[in-house]
Amino acid sequence: MEERVKVVCMAKLAEQAERYDDMVDLMKKLARMDVDMSGEERHLFSVGFKNTIGAKRASWRILSSLEQKVTTGEQAGGMINDYRKKVEDELRMVCNEILSIIAIHCLPLANSGENIVFFYKMKGDYYRYLAEFSTGTEKKAAADQSLVAYQHAMVVASTELSPVHPIRLGLALNFSVFFYEIMNCHERACQVAKQAFDEATAEINSMGVEGYNDSTLMMQLLKDNLTLWTSELTGGESSKDNDLDMEQG
């Protein structure tokens, strides 16, 4: 069996077994073959890292929440602080590794509009994850890199992908979350989300596009975020991160 095919088969098996660390190792091996990934390969690459980083992001948020509830001077506060920093080190390591792989092995080989947008979006996502827990100059540097990556992806998506394409919609979804969560530019976040939603709706209505289940899911998330963010801006409940950083389907 060809090595590339074998790696993909093993990655799918690892996904079914929910062994995401194995999946990540396999997809790193594929990326280092320096191939222009297929849609299926992109999906596997993203899912492996998404599950790995997702668990660590959830741990960091829980620890940060616990730390805020601890009274100053409590012994437990120091323990939580140390544990949070350990999780941050792990997050930093995973983010830096995938960003390096994207820069060296993925973007240079990306020939299609889909792949270019996908990997620049992924680059924006992982710099955003770095910015979530970083502070000071490190946070600003990560946010700046994330912004540039998302902007580049948006430029390519606007010319290469239909407004209803799930990768383009997923990009707009995550870019709007970036403005809301990282930049605190709430109006800009709503602008990005609304424009993407309106353009996709117009295309579906004018062309009668069918079979876009992944697109309609993304459109629903954009709509949900807009509702939630508008509510918060007018004094309602707090928002939550509804981002999707993987290709759907």
C-alpha atoms as a PDB file:
ATOM      1  CA  MET A   1       0.000   0.000   0.000  1.00  0.00           C
ATOM      2  CA  GLU A   2       1.281   3.469  -0.919  1.00  0.00           C
ATOM      3  CA  GLU A   3       2.580   5.258   2.186  1.00  0.00           C
ATOM      4  CA  ARG A   4       0.280   8.266   1.743  1.00  0.00           C
ATOM      5  CA  VAL A   5      -2.812   6.053   1.445  1.00  0.00           C
ATOM      6  CA  LYS A   6      -1.726   3.999   4.447  1.00  0.00           C
ATOM      7  CA  VAL A   7      -1.262   7.111   6.602  1.00  0.00           C
ATOM      8  CA  VAL A   8      -4.726   8.416   5.675  1.00  0.00           C
ATOM      9  CA  CYS A   9      -6.348   5.040   6.410  1.00  0.00           C
ATOM     10  CA  MET A  10      -4.614   4.855   9.782  1.00  0.00           C
ATOM     11  CA  ALA A  11      -5.663   8.446  10.596  1.00  0.00           C
ATOM     12  CA  LYS A  12      -9.309   7.594   9.864  1.00  0.00           C
ATOM     13  CA  LEU A  13      -9.006   4.526  12.079  1.00  0.00           C
ATOM     14  CA  ALA A  14      -7.463   6.630  14.868  1.00  0.00           C
ATOM     15  CA  GLU A  15     -10.348   9.122  14.535  1.00  0.00           C
ATOM     16  CA  GLN A  16     -12.916   6.347  14.902  1.00  0.00           C
ATOM     17  CA  ALA A  17     -11.062   5.067  17.976  1.00  0.00           C
ATOM     18  CA  GLU A  18     -10.899   8.665  19.326  1.00  0.00           C
ATOM     19  CA  ARG A  19      -7.113   8.397  19.656  1.00  0.00           C
ATOM     20  CA  TYR A  20      -6.436  11.968  18.614  1.00  0.00           C
ATOM     21  CA  ASP A  21      -2.768  12.060  19.651  1.00  0.00           C
ATOM     22  CA  ASP A  22      -2.132   9.169  17.248  1.00  0.00           C
ATOM     23  CA  MET A  23      -4.168  10.979  14.613  1.00  0.00           C
ATOM     24  CA  VAL A  24      -2.047  14.117  15.016  1.00  0.00           C
ATOM     25  CA  ASP A  25       1.186  12.127  14.672  1.00  0.00           C
ATOM     26  CA  LEU A  26      -0.087  10.514  11.478  1.00  0.00           C
ATOM     27  CA  MET A  27      -1.226  13.795   9.932  1.00  0.00           C
ATOM     28  CA  LYS A  28       2.075  15.472  10.808  1.00  0.00           C
ATOM     29  CA  LYS A  29       3.725  12.624   8.916  1.00  0.00           C
ATOM     30  CA  LEU A  30       1.452  13.278   5.925  1.00  0.00           C
ATOM     31  CA  ALA A  31       2.150  17.020   5.984  1.00  0.00           C
ATOM     32  CA  ARG A  32       5.894  16.341   5.958  1.00  0.00           C
ATOM     33  CA  MET A  33       5.466  14.383   2.743  1.00  0.00           C
ATOM     34  CA  ASP A  34       4.950  17.845   1.184  1.00  0.00           C
ATOM     35  CA  VAL A  35       1.765  17.047  -0.739  1.00  0.00           C
ATOM     36  CA  ASP A  36      -1.118  19.305  -1.718  1.00  0.00           C
ATOM     37  CA  MET A  37      -3.778  17.833   0.559  1.00  0.00           C
ATOM     38  CA  SER A  38      -7.151  16.603  -0.653  1.00  0.00           C
ATOM     39  CA  GLY A  39     -10.360  17.673   1.051  1.00  0.00           C
ATOM     40  CA  GLU A  40     -10.436  14.460   3.075  1.00  0.00           C
ATOM     41  CA  GLU A  41      -6.811  14.889   4.134  1.00  0.00           C
ATOM     42  CA  ARG A  42      -7.425  18.516   5.144  1.00  0.00           C
ATOM     43  CA  HIS A  43     -10.354  17.400   7.256  1.00  0.00           C
ATOM     44  CA  LEU A  44      -8.321  14.737   9.053  1.00  0.00           C
ATOM     45  CA  PHE A  45      -5.439  17.152   9.593  1.00  0.00           C
ATOM     46  CA  SER A  46      -7.748  19.743  11.136  1.00  0.00           C
ATOM     47  CA  VAL A  47      -9.808  17.308  13.254  1.00  0.00           C
ATOM     48  CA  GLY A  48      -6.777  15.741  14.917  1.00  0.00           C
ATOM     49  CA  PHE A  49      -5.338  19.048  16.063  1.00  0.00           C
ATOM     50  CA  LYS A  50      -8.786  20.476  16.859  1.00  0.00           C
ATOM     51  CA  ASN A  51      -9.511  17.722  19.368  1.00  0.00           C
ATOM     52  CA  THR A  52      -6.064  17.954  20.908  1.00  0.00           C
ATOM     53  CA  ILE A  53      -6.138  21.733  21.309  1.00  0.00           C
ATOM     54  CA  GLY A  54      -9.852  21.790  22.197  1.00  0.00           C
ATOM     55  CA  ALA A  55      -9.378  19.750  25.368  1.00  0.00           C
ATOM     56  CA  LYS A  56      -6.501  21.966  26.503  1.00  0.00           C
ATOM     57  CA  ARG A  57      -8.443  25.183  25.771  1.00  0.00           C
ATOM     58  CA  ALA A  58     -11.351  23.851  27.844  1.00  0.00           C
ATOM     59  CA  SER A  59      -8.967  23.024  30.727  1.00  0.00           C
ATOM     60  CA  TRP A  60      -7.458  26.510  30.577  1.00  0.00           C
ATOM     61  CA  ARG A  61     -10.874  28.171  30.722  1.00  0.00           C
ATOM     62  CA  ILE A  62     -11.941  26.083  33.710  1.00  0.00           C
ATOM     63  CA  LEU A  63      -8.710  26.843  35.597  1.00  0.00           C
ATOM     64  CA  SER A  64      -8.931  30.548  34.766  1.00  0.00           C
ATOM     65  CA  SER A  65     -12.501  30.625  36.063  1.00  0.00           C
ATOM     66  CA  LEU A  66     -11.516  28.832  39.273  1.00  0.00           C
ATOM     67  CA  GLU A  67      -8.577  31.186  39.773  1.00  0.00           C
ATOM     68  CA  GLN A  68     -10.852  34.228  39.597  1.00  0.00           C
ATOM     69  CA  LYS A  69     -13.040  32.814  42.378  1.00  0.00           C
ATOM     70  CA  VAL A  70     -10.185  32.227  44.810  1.00  0.00           C
ATOM     71  CA  THR A  71      -9.638  34.788  47.563  1.00  0.00           C
ATOM     72  CA  THR A  72      -6.270  36.553  47.379  1.00  0.00           C
ATOM     73  CA  GLY A  73      -3.664  34.801  49.527  1.00  0.00           C
ATOM     74  CA  GLU A  74      -5.372  31.401  49.575  1.00  0.00           C
ATOM     75  CA  GLN A  75      -2.980  28.489  49.125  1.00  0.00           C
ATOM     76  CA  ALA A  76      -5.289  26.972  46.510  1.00  0.00           C
ATOM     77  CA  GLY A  77      -4.789  30.092  44.383  1.00  0.00           C
ATOM     78  CA  GLY A  78      -1.095  29.385  43.951  1.00  0.00           C
ATOM     79  CA  MET A  79      -1.763  25.766  43.035  1.00  0.00           C
ATOM     80  CA  ILE A  80      -4.349  26.749  40.429  1.00  0.00           C
ATOM     81  CA  ASN A  81      -2.012  29.411  39.033  1.00  0.00           C
ATOM     82  CA  ASP A  82       0.828  26.906  38.615  1.00  0.00           C
ATOM     83  CA  TYR A  83      -1.479  24.371  36.980  1.00  0.00           C
ATOM     84  CA  ARG A  84      -2.878  26.992  34.605  1.00  0.00           C
ATOM     85  CA  LYS A  85       0.638  27.934  33.536  1.00  0.00           C
ATOM     86  CA  LYS A  86       1.393  24.259  32.857  1.00  0.00           C
ATOM     87  CA  VAL A  87      -1.650  24.063  30.576  1.00  0.00           C
ATOM     88  CA  GLU A  88      -0.562  27.297  28.871  1.00  0.00           C
ATOM     89  CA  ASP A  89       2.859  25.788  28.142  1.00  0.00           C
ATOM     90  CA  GLU A  90       1.146  22.795  26.545  1.00  0.00           C
ATOM     91  CA  LEU A  91      -1.149  25.054  24.509  1.00  0.00           C
ATOM     92  CA  ARG A  92       1.802  27.138  23.348  1.00  0.00           C
ATOM     93  CA  MET A  93       3.714  24.033  22.271  1.00  0.00           C
ATOM     94  CA  VAL A  94       0.808  22.611  20.233  1.00  0.00           C
ATOM     95  CA  CYS A  95       0.008  25.957  18.601  1.00  0.00           C
ATOM     96  CA  ASN A  96       3.609  26.671  17.663  1.00  0.00           C
ATOM     97  CA  GLU A  97       4.049  23.170  16.249  1.00  0.00           C
ATOM     98  CA  ILE A  98       1.019  23.332  13.981  1.00  0.00           C
ATOM     99  CA  LEU A  99       1.824  26.889  12.883  1.00  0.00           C
ATOM    100  CA  SER A 100       5.294  25.711  11.898  1.00  0.00           C
ATOM    101  CA  ILE A 101       3.873  22.778   9.915  1.00  0.00           C
ATOM    102  CA  ILE A 102       1.385  25.051   8.132  1.00  0.00           C
ATOM    103  CA  ALA A 103       4.115  27.553   7.227  1.00  0.00           C
ATOM    104  CA  ILE A 104       6.680  24.996   6.054  1.00  0.00           C
ATOM    105  CA  HIS A 105       4.626  22.146   4.584  1.00  0.00           C
ATOM    106  CA  CYS A 106       1.012  23.212   3.928  1.00  0.00           C
ATOM    107  CA  LEU A 107       0.819  26.736   2.529  1.00  0.00           C
ATOM    108  CA  PRO A 108       3.777  26.389   0.112  1.00  0.00           C
ATOM    109  CA  LEU A 109       2.049  23.345  -1.461  1.00  0.00           C
ATOM    110  CA  ALA A 110      -1.491  24.793  -1.505  1.00  0.00           C
ATOM    111  CA  ASN A 111      -2.471  25.315  -5.147  1.00  0.00           C
ATOM    112  CA  SER A 112      -6.263  25.583  -5.043  1.00  0.00           C
ATOM    113  CA  GLY A 113      -8.282  28.462  -3.648  1.00  0.00           C
ATOM    114  CA  GLU A 114      -9.888  26.052  -1.184  1.00  0.00           C
ATOM    115  CA  ASN A 115      -6.564  24.921   0.235  1.00  0.00           C
ATOM    116  CA  ILE A 116      -5.110  28.426   0.426  1.00  0.00           C
ATOM    117  CA  VAL A 117      -8.151  29.747   2.304  1.00  0.00           C
ATOM    118  CA  PHE A 118      -8.309  26.646   4.521  1.00  0.00           C
ATOM    119  CA  PHE A 119      -4.712  26.852   5.700  1.00  0.00           C
ATOM    120  CA  TYR A 120      -4.622  30.656   6.127  1.00  0.00           C
ATOM    121  CA  LYS A 121      -7.822  30.324   8.151  1.00  0.00           C
ATOM    122  CA  MET A 122      -6.182  27.592  10.242  1.00  0.00           C
ATOM    123  CA  LYS A 123      -3.159  29.849  10.723  1.00  0.00           C
ATOM    124  CA  GLY A 124      -5.463  32.611  11.952  1.00  0.00           C
ATOM    125  CA  ASP A 125      -7.223  30.179  14.291  1.00  0.00           C
ATOM    126  CA  TYR A 126      -4.076  28.942  16.023  1.00  0.00           C
ATOM    127  CA  TYR A 127      -2.608  32.415  16.471  1.00  0.00           C
ATOM    128  CA  ARG A 128      -6.004  33.330  17.957  1.00  0.00           C
ATOM    129  CA  TYR A 129      -5.688  30.445  20.409  1.00  0.00           C
ATOM    130  CA  LEU A 130      -2.262  31.784  21.412  1.00  0.00           C
ATOM    131  CA  ALA A 131      -3.741  35.250  21.910  1.00  0.00           C
ATOM    132  CA  GLU A 132      -6.496  33.847  24.155  1.00  0.00           C
ATOM    133  CA  PHE A 133      -4.147  33.080  27.035  1.00  0.00           C
ATOM    134  CA  SER A 134      -1.162  35.329  26.294  1.00  0.00           C
ATOM    135  CA  THR A 135      -0.556  38.752  27.808  1.00  0.00           C
ATOM    136  CA  GLY A 136       1.319  41.920  26.938  1.00  0.00           C
ATOM    137  CA  THR A 137       3.538  41.963  23.860  1.00  0.00           C
ATOM    138  CA  GLU A 138       3.087  38.214  23.305  1.00  0.00           C
ATOM    139  CA  LYS A 139      -0.687  38.662  23.088  1.00  0.00           C
ATOM    140  CA  LYS A 140      -0.376  41.606  20.695  1.00  0.00           C
ATOM    141  CA  ALA A 141       2.051  39.717  18.438  1.00  0.00           C
ATOM    142  CA  ALA A 142      -0.263  36.682  18.274  1.00  0.00           C
ATOM    143  CA  ALA A 143      -3.325  38.858  17.622  1.00  0.00           C
ATOM    144  CA  ASP A 144      -1.500  40.755  14.849  1.00  0.00           C
ATOM    145  CA  GLN A 145      -0.458  37.493  13.165  1.00  0.00           C
ATOM    146  CA  SER A 146      -3.988  36.136  13.468  1.00  0.00           C
ATOM    147  CA  LEU A 147      -5.466  39.276  11.923  1.00  0.00           C
ATOM    148  CA  VAL A 148      -3.089  39.188   8.941  1.00  0.00           C
ATOM    149  CA  ALA A 149      -3.797  35.490   8.299  1.00  0.00           C
ATOM    150  CA  TYR A 150      -7.571  35.932   8.470  1.00  0.00           C
ATOM    151  CA  GLN A 151      -7.434  39.009   6.223  1.00  0.00           C
ATOM    152  CA  HIS A 152      -5.386  37.169   3.607  1.00  0.00           C
ATOM    153  CA  ALA A 153      -7.808  34.239   3.710  1.00  0.00           C
ATOM    154  CA  MET A 154     -10.774  36.604   3.288  1.00  0.00           C
ATOM    155  CA  VAL A 155      -9.207  38.257   0.216  1.00  0.00           C
ATOM    156  CA  VAL A 156      -8.640  34.897  -1.480  1.00  0.00           C
ATOM    157  CA  ALA A 157     -12.050  33.560  -0.422  1.00  0.00           C
ATOM    158  CA  SER A 158     -13.831  36.584  -1.900  1.00  0.00           C
ATOM    159  CA  THR A 159     -12.465  35.788  -5.377  1.00  0.00           C
ATOM    160  CA  GLU A 160     -12.051  32.001  -5.290  1.00  0.00           C
ATOM    161  CA  LEU A 161     -14.986  30.685  -3.256  1.00  0.00           C
ATOM    162  CA  SER A 162     -18.730  31.147  -3.464  1.00  0.00           C
ATOM    163  CA  PRO A 163     -20.406  33.060  -0.594  1.00  0.00           C
ATOM    164  CA  VAL A 164     -22.176  29.814   0.305  1.00  0.00           C
ATOM    165  CA  HIS A 165     -19.008  27.697   0.336  1.00  0.00           C
ATOM    166  CA  PRO A 166     -18.604  26.125   3.809  1.00  0.00           C
ATOM    167  CA  ILE A 167     -14.898  27.029   4.046  1.00  0.00           C
ATOM    168  CA  ARG A 168     -15.660  30.684   3.285  1.00  0.00           C
ATOM    169  CA  LEU A 169     -18.503  30.700   5.814  1.00  0.00           C
ATOM    170  CA  GLY A 170     -16.343  28.973   8.439  1.00  0.00           C
ATOM    171  CA  LEU A 171     -13.663  31.592   7.867  1.00  0.00           C
ATOM    172  CA  ALA A 172     -16.144  34.444   8.362  1.00  0.00           C
ATOM    173  CA  LEU A 173     -17.462  32.736  11.498  1.00  0.00           C
ATOM    174  CA  ASN A 174     -14.012  32.437  13.076  1.00  0.00           C
ATOM    175  CA  PHE A 175     -12.878  35.874  11.914  1.00  0.00           C
ATOM    176  CA  SER A 176     -15.943  37.419  13.583  1.00  0.00           C
ATOM    177  CA  VAL A 177     -15.154  35.486  16.799  1.00  0.00           C
ATOM    178  CA  PHE A 178     -11.598  36.888  16.600  1.00  0.00           C
ATOM    179  CA  PHE A 179     -12.929  40.456  16.515  1.00  0.00           C
ATOM    180  CA  TYR A 180     -15.346  39.777  19.370  1.00  0.00           C
ATOM    181  CA  GLU A 181     -13.198  37.706  21.715  1.00  0.00           C
ATOM    182  CA  ILE A 182      -9.660  38.923  21.048  1.00  0.00           C
ATOM    183  CA  MET A 183      -9.954  42.476  19.719  1.00  0.00           C
ATOM    184  CA  ASN A 184     -13.122  43.444  21.643  1.00  0.00           C
ATOM    185  CA  CYS A 185     -14.362  45.051  18.433  1.00  0.00           C
ATOM    186  CA  HIS A 186     -17.957  43.993  18.898  1.00  0.00           C
ATOM    187  CA  GLU A 187     -19.442  46.084  16.103  1.00  0.00           C
ATOM    188  CA  ARG A 188     -16.827  44.828  13.623  1.00  0.00           C
ATOM    189  CA  ALA A 189     -17.546  41.236  14.694  1.00  0.00           C
ATOM    190  CA  CYS A 190     -21.241  41.713  13.980  1.00  0.00           C
ATOM    191  CA  GLN A 191     -20.391  43.373  10.651  1.00  0.00           C
ATOM    192  CA  VAL A 192     -18.278  40.427   9.446  1.00  0.00           C
ATOM    193  CA  ALA A 193     -20.840  37.841  10.564  1.00  0.00           C
ATOM    194  CA  LYS A 194     -23.819  39.724   9.092  1.00  0.00           C
ATOM    195  CA  GLN A 195     -22.148  40.324   5.737  1.00  0.00           C
ATOM    196  CA  ALA A 196     -21.243  36.644   5.369  1.00  0.00           C
ATOM    197  CA  PHE A 197     -24.732  35.550   6.398  1.00  0.00           C
ATOM    198  CA  ASP A 198     -26.480  38.017   4.079  1.00  0.00           C
ATOM    199  CA  GLU A 199     -24.297  37.145   1.062  1.00  0.00           C
ATOM    200  CA  ALA A 200     -24.858  33.407   1.551  1.00  0.00           C
ATOM    201  CA  THR A 201     -28.603  33.914   1.995  1.00  0.00           C
ATOM    202  CA  ALA A 202     -28.788  35.991  -1.199  1.00  0.00           C
ATOM    203  CA  GLU A 203     -26.974  33.304  -3.197  1.00  0.00           C
ATOM    204  CA  ILE A 204     -29.165  30.503  -1.904  1.00  0.00           C
ATOM    205  CA  ASN A 205     -32.321  32.515  -2.603  1.00  0.00           C
ATOM    206  CA  SER A 206     -31.274  33.555  -6.115  1.00  0.00           C
ATOM    207  CA  MET A 207     -29.795  30.229  -7.262  1.00  0.00           C
ATOM    208  CA  GLY A 208     -31.850  27.745  -5.291  1.00  0.00           C
ATOM    209  CA  VAL A 209     -28.724  26.095  -3.974  1.00  0.00           C
ATOM    210  CA  GLU A 210     -29.487  22.733  -2.410  1.00  0.00           C
ATOM    211  CA  GLY A 211     -27.456  20.132  -0.584  1.00  0.00           C
ATOM    212  CA  TYR A 212     -25.390  22.614   1.402  1.00  0.00           C
ATOM    213  CA  ASN A 213     -25.940  21.077   4.832  1.00  0.00           C
ATOM    214  CA  ASP A 214     -22.529  22.190   6.059  1.00  0.00           C
ATOM    215  CA  SER A 215     -23.161  25.714   4.799  1.00  0.00           C
ATOM    216  CA  THR A 216     -26.556  25.977   6.477  1.00  0.00           C
ATOM    217  CA  LEU A 217     -25.010  24.791   9.752  1.00  0.00           C
ATOM    218  CA  MET A 218     -22.399  27.532   9.513  1.00  0.00           C
ATOM    219  CA  MET A 219     -25.058  30.095   8.608  1.00  0.00           C
ATOM    220  CA  GLN A 220     -27.032  29.080  11.687  1.00  0.00           C
ATOM    221  CA  LEU A 221     -23.944  29.566  13.876  1.00  0.00           C
ATOM    222  CA  LEU A 222     -23.384  33.006  12.342  1.00  0.00           C
ATOM    223  CA  LYS A 223     -27.009  33.885  13.039  1.00  0.00           C
ATOM    224  CA  ASP A 224     -26.799  32.534  16.604  1.00  0.00           C
ATOM    225  CA  ASN A 225     -23.680  34.596  17.292  1.00  0.00           C
ATOM    226  CA  LEU A 226     -25.297  37.730  15.874  1.00  0.00           C
ATOM    227  CA  THR A 227     -28.328  37.215  18.113  1.00  0.00           C
ATOM    228  CA  LEU A 228     -26.154  36.567  21.160  1.00  0.00           C
ATOM    229  CA  TRP A 229     -23.765  39.451  20.512  1.00  0.00           C
ATOM    230  CA  THR A 230     -26.574  41.900  19.807  1.00  0.00           C
ATOM    231  CA  SER A 231     -28.204  40.834  23.063  1.00  0.00           C
ATOM    232  CA  GLU A 232     -24.975  41.418  24.987  1.00  0.00           C
ATOM    233  CA  LEU A 233     -24.444  44.822  23.381  1.00  0.00           C
ATOM    234  CA  THR A 234     -27.899  45.817  24.589  1.00  0.00           C
ATOM    235  CA  GLY A 235     -27.320  44.488  28.108  1.00  0.00           C
ATOM    236  CA  GLY A 236     -28.289  40.832  27.707  1.00  0.00           C
ATOM    237  CA  GLU A 237     -26.432  37.612  28.576  1.00  0.00           C
ATOM    238  CA  SER A 238     -22.739  37.024  27.986  1.00  0.00           C
ATOM    239  CA  SER A 239     -21.546  35.565  24.711  1.00  0.00           C
ATOM    240  CA  LYS A 240     -19.752  32.303  24.131  1.00  0.00           C
ATOM    241  CA  ASP A 241     -17.285  31.151  21.497  1.00  0.00           C
ATOM    242  CA  ASN A 242     -19.214  29.292  18.806  1.00  0.00           C
ATOM    243  CA  ASP A 243     -16.333  28.974  16.385  1.00  0.00           C
ATOM    244  CA  LEU A 244     -15.829  26.102  13.982  1.00  0.00           C
ATOM    245  CA  ASP A 245     -12.235  25.677  12.942  1.00  0.00           C
ATOM    246  CA  MET A 246     -12.475  22.724  10.682  1.00  0.00           C
ATOM    247  CA  GLU A 247     -13.805  22.172   7.221  1.00  0.00           C
ATOM    248  CA  GLN A 248     -17.293  20.708   7.348  1.00  0.00           C
ATOM    249  CA  GLY A 249     -17.729  17.774   5.001  1.00  0.00           C
END
